Amino acid sequence: MKLNHREYAGFREGMTIQDVIEESRFTWPNLVVVLNGKVIKPEDYDGTLIDVRDDLEVIHLLAGG
């Protein structure tokens, strides 16, 4: 599995998007999650399983002025 274009060493069968977010310590309140080119809603993180062939992107949204 790739996370943000790099091999994710912590992959294991049965992982969800929520598992990856927690284990990778993504703590920013505004995240955009894209799984294989499809945006995943926050309410679906815990129920969306990750496959070894998946490409997952977790993007922090920032605002500035």
N, C-alpha and C. Protein backbone atom coordinates (compact mmCIF):
# COMPACT_ATOMS: atom_id res chain seq x y z
N MET A 1 0.83 -1.16 0.00
CA MET A 1 0.00 0.00 0.00
C MET A 1 0.88 1.23 0.00
N LYS A 2 0.44 2.24 -0.69
CA LYS A 2 1.17 3.50 -0.68
C LYS A 2 0.38 4.54 0.10
N LEU A 3 1.09 5.30 0.89
CA LEU A 3 0.52 6.42 1.63
C LEU A 3 1.28 7.66 1.20
N ASN A 4 0.57 8.58 0.61
CA ASN A 4 1.17 9.83 0.11
C ASN A 4 2.38 9.55 -0.78
N HIS A 5 2.20 8.60 -1.70
CA HIS A 5 3.17 8.26 -2.75
C HIS A 5 4.41 7.52 -2.24
N ARG A 6 4.35 6.99 -1.02
CA ARG A 6 5.47 6.21 -0.47
C ARG A 6 4.93 4.89 0.07
N GLU A 7 5.75 3.86 0.00
CA GLU A 7 5.34 2.57 0.55
C GLU A 7 5.06 2.72 2.05
N TYR A 8 3.95 2.15 2.49
CA TYR A 8 3.56 2.21 3.90
C TYR A 8 3.97 0.91 4.58
N ALA A 9 4.97 0.98 5.42
CA ALA A 9 5.55 -0.21 6.04
C ALA A 9 4.63 -0.84 7.08
N GLY A 10 3.68 -0.08 7.61
CA GLY A 10 2.83 -0.59 8.67
C GLY A 10 1.58 -1.31 8.20
N PHE A 11 1.48 -1.59 6.90
CA PHE A 11 0.27 -2.22 6.38
C PHE A 11 0.06 -3.61 6.97
N ARG A 12 -1.20 -3.91 7.28
CA ARG A 12 -1.61 -5.25 7.68
C ARG A 12 -3.03 -5.49 7.19
N GLU A 13 -3.38 -6.73 6.98
CA GLU A 13 -4.72 -7.08 6.52
C GLU A 13 -5.77 -6.56 7.50
N GLY A 14 -6.87 -6.08 6.97
CA GLY A 14 -7.97 -5.61 7.81
C GLY A 14 -7.87 -4.16 8.25
N MET A 15 -6.85 -3.45 7.78
CA MET A 15 -6.69 -2.04 8.15
C MET A 15 -7.77 -1.18 7.50
N THR A 16 -8.19 -0.17 8.24
CA THR A 16 -9.12 0.82 7.70
C THR A 16 -8.38 2.14 7.50
N ILE A 17 -9.03 3.06 6.83
CA ILE A 17 -8.45 4.39 6.68
C ILE A 17 -8.22 5.01 8.05
N GLN A 18 -9.17 4.83 8.97
CA GLN A 18 -9.02 5.38 10.31
C GLN A 18 -7.78 4.83 11.01
N ASP A 19 -7.50 3.55 10.83
CA ASP A 19 -6.29 2.95 11.41
C ASP A 19 -5.04 3.65 10.90
N VAL A 20 -4.97 3.87 9.60
CA VAL A 20 -3.80 4.51 9.00
C VAL A 20 -3.65 5.94 9.51
N ILE A 21 -4.76 6.68 9.60
CA ILE A 21 -4.71 8.06 10.10
C ILE A 21 -4.17 8.08 11.53
N GLU A 22 -4.69 7.19 12.38
CA GLU A 22 -4.25 7.17 13.77
C GLU A 22 -2.80 6.72 13.92
N GLU A 23 -2.43 5.65 13.22
CA GLU A 23 -1.07 5.13 13.34
C GLU A 23 -0.03 6.06 12.73
N SER A 24 -0.43 6.85 11.75
CA SER A 24 0.49 7.79 11.12
C SER A 24 0.47 9.15 11.82
N ARG A 25 -0.39 9.26 12.82
CA ARG A 25 -0.50 10.46 13.65
C ARG A 25 -0.88 11.71 12.85
N PHE A 26 -1.85 11.55 11.96
CA PHE A 26 -2.44 12.70 11.28
C PHE A 26 -3.44 13.30 12.25
N THR A 27 -3.10 14.42 12.85
CA THR A 27 -3.95 15.01 13.88
C THR A 27 -4.60 16.32 13.46
N TRP A 28 -4.28 16.79 12.27
CA TRP A 28 -4.85 18.04 11.80
C TRP A 28 -6.37 17.89 11.70
N PRO A 29 -7.13 18.90 12.12
CA PRO A 29 -8.59 18.74 12.13
C PRO A 29 -9.24 18.68 10.74
N ASN A 30 -8.60 19.25 9.74
CA ASN A 30 -9.17 19.27 8.39
C ASN A 30 -8.31 18.44 7.44
N LEU A 31 -8.78 17.22 7.19
CA LEU A 31 -8.06 16.32 6.29
C LEU A 31 -8.91 16.03 5.07
N VAL A 32 -8.24 15.85 3.94
CA VAL A 32 -8.89 15.32 2.75
C VAL A 32 -8.23 13.98 2.50
N VAL A 33 -9.05 12.94 2.37
CA VAL A 33 -8.54 11.59 2.16
C VAL A 33 -8.99 11.12 0.78
N VAL A 34 -8.01 10.67 -0.01
CA VAL A 34 -8.28 10.20 -1.36
C VAL A 34 -7.75 8.77 -1.46
N LEU A 35 -8.62 7.85 -1.80
CA LEU A 35 -8.27 6.44 -1.94
C LEU A 35 -8.44 6.05 -3.41
N ASN A 36 -7.32 5.75 -4.06
CA ASN A 36 -7.34 5.36 -5.48
C ASN A 36 -8.07 6.38 -6.34
N GLY A 37 -7.84 7.67 -6.04
CA GLY A 37 -8.42 8.74 -6.84
C GLY A 37 -9.82 9.17 -6.44
N LYS A 38 -10.40 8.55 -5.41
CA LYS A 38 -11.75 8.87 -4.97
C LYS A 38 -11.71 9.48 -3.57
N VAL A 39 -12.37 10.63 -3.40
CA VAL A 39 -12.43 11.29 -2.10
C VAL A 39 -13.32 10.47 -1.17
N ILE A 40 -12.82 10.24 0.04
CA ILE A 40 -13.55 9.48 1.05
C ILE A 40 -14.03 10.44 2.14
N LYS A 41 -15.30 10.33 2.50
CA LYS A 41 -15.89 11.19 3.54
C LYS A 41 -15.40 10.75 4.92
N PRO A 42 -15.24 11.70 5.84
CA PRO A 42 -14.77 11.35 7.20
C PRO A 42 -15.61 10.28 7.89
N GLU A 43 -16.90 10.29 7.67
CA GLU A 43 -17.75 9.29 8.33
C GLU A 43 -17.51 7.87 7.79
N ASP A 44 -16.79 7.76 6.68
CA ASP A 44 -16.50 6.46 6.09
C ASP A 44 -15.09 5.95 6.40
N TYR A 45 -14.27 6.73 7.10
CA TYR A 45 -12.89 6.32 7.38
C TYR A 45 -12.82 4.99 8.12
N ASP A 46 -13.68 4.82 9.13
CA ASP A 46 -13.60 3.64 9.98
C ASP A 46 -14.13 2.38 9.29
N GLY A 47 -14.95 2.54 8.27
CA GLY A 47 -15.52 1.39 7.60
C GLY A 47 -14.89 1.06 6.26
N THR A 48 -13.87 1.83 5.85
CA THR A 48 -13.25 1.61 4.54
C THR A 48 -11.95 0.85 4.72
N LEU A 49 -11.94 -0.40 4.23
CA LEU A 49 -10.75 -1.24 4.34
C LEU A 49 -9.73 -0.87 3.28
N ILE A 50 -8.46 -1.03 3.63
CA ILE A 50 -7.34 -0.75 2.74
C ILE A 50 -6.79 -2.07 2.20
N ASP A 51 -6.49 -2.09 0.93
CA ASP A 51 -5.89 -3.27 0.29
C ASP A 51 -4.41 -3.00 0.05
N VAL A 52 -3.63 -4.04 -0.05
CA VAL A 52 -2.18 -3.90 -0.25
C VAL A 52 -1.86 -3.16 -1.55
N ARG A 53 -2.76 -3.19 -2.53
CA ARG A 53 -2.52 -2.52 -3.81
C ARG A 53 -3.02 -1.08 -3.86
N ASP A 54 -3.60 -0.59 -2.77
CA ASP A 54 -4.22 0.73 -2.75
C ASP A 54 -3.21 1.86 -2.69
N ASP A 55 -3.68 3.01 -3.17
CA ASP A 55 -2.92 4.25 -3.11
C ASP A 55 -3.76 5.23 -2.29
N LEU A 56 -3.28 5.58 -1.11
CA LEU A 56 -4.00 6.44 -0.18
C LEU A 56 -3.25 7.75 -0.03
N GLU A 57 -4.00 8.84 -0.13
CA GLU A 57 -3.43 10.16 0.09
C GLU A 57 -4.18 10.81 1.23
N VAL A 58 -3.46 11.35 2.20
CA VAL A 58 -4.04 12.10 3.30
C VAL A 58 -3.44 13.49 3.24
N ILE A 59 -4.31 14.47 3.01
CA ILE A 59 -3.86 15.83 2.76
C ILE A 59 -4.41 16.74 3.84
N HIS A 60 -3.53 17.54 4.44
CA HIS A 60 -3.93 18.53 5.44
C HIS A 60 -4.41 19.77 4.70
N LEU A 61 -5.59 20.27 5.07
CA LEU A 61 -6.05 21.53 4.52
C LEU A 61 -5.58 22.65 5.42
N LEU A 62 -4.96 23.64 4.81
CA LEU A 62 -4.45 24.79 5.55
C LEU A 62 -5.08 26.06 4.99
N ALA A 63 -5.29 27.01 5.86
CA ALA A 63 -5.79 28.31 5.43
C ALA A 63 -4.78 29.36 5.90
N GLY A 64 -4.62 30.36 5.14
CA GLY A 64 -3.67 31.41 5.50
C GLY A 64 -4.15 32.76 5.04
N GLY A 65 -3.42 33.71 5.45
CA GLY A 65 -3.87 35.04 5.06
C GLY A 65 -2.70 35.97 4.90
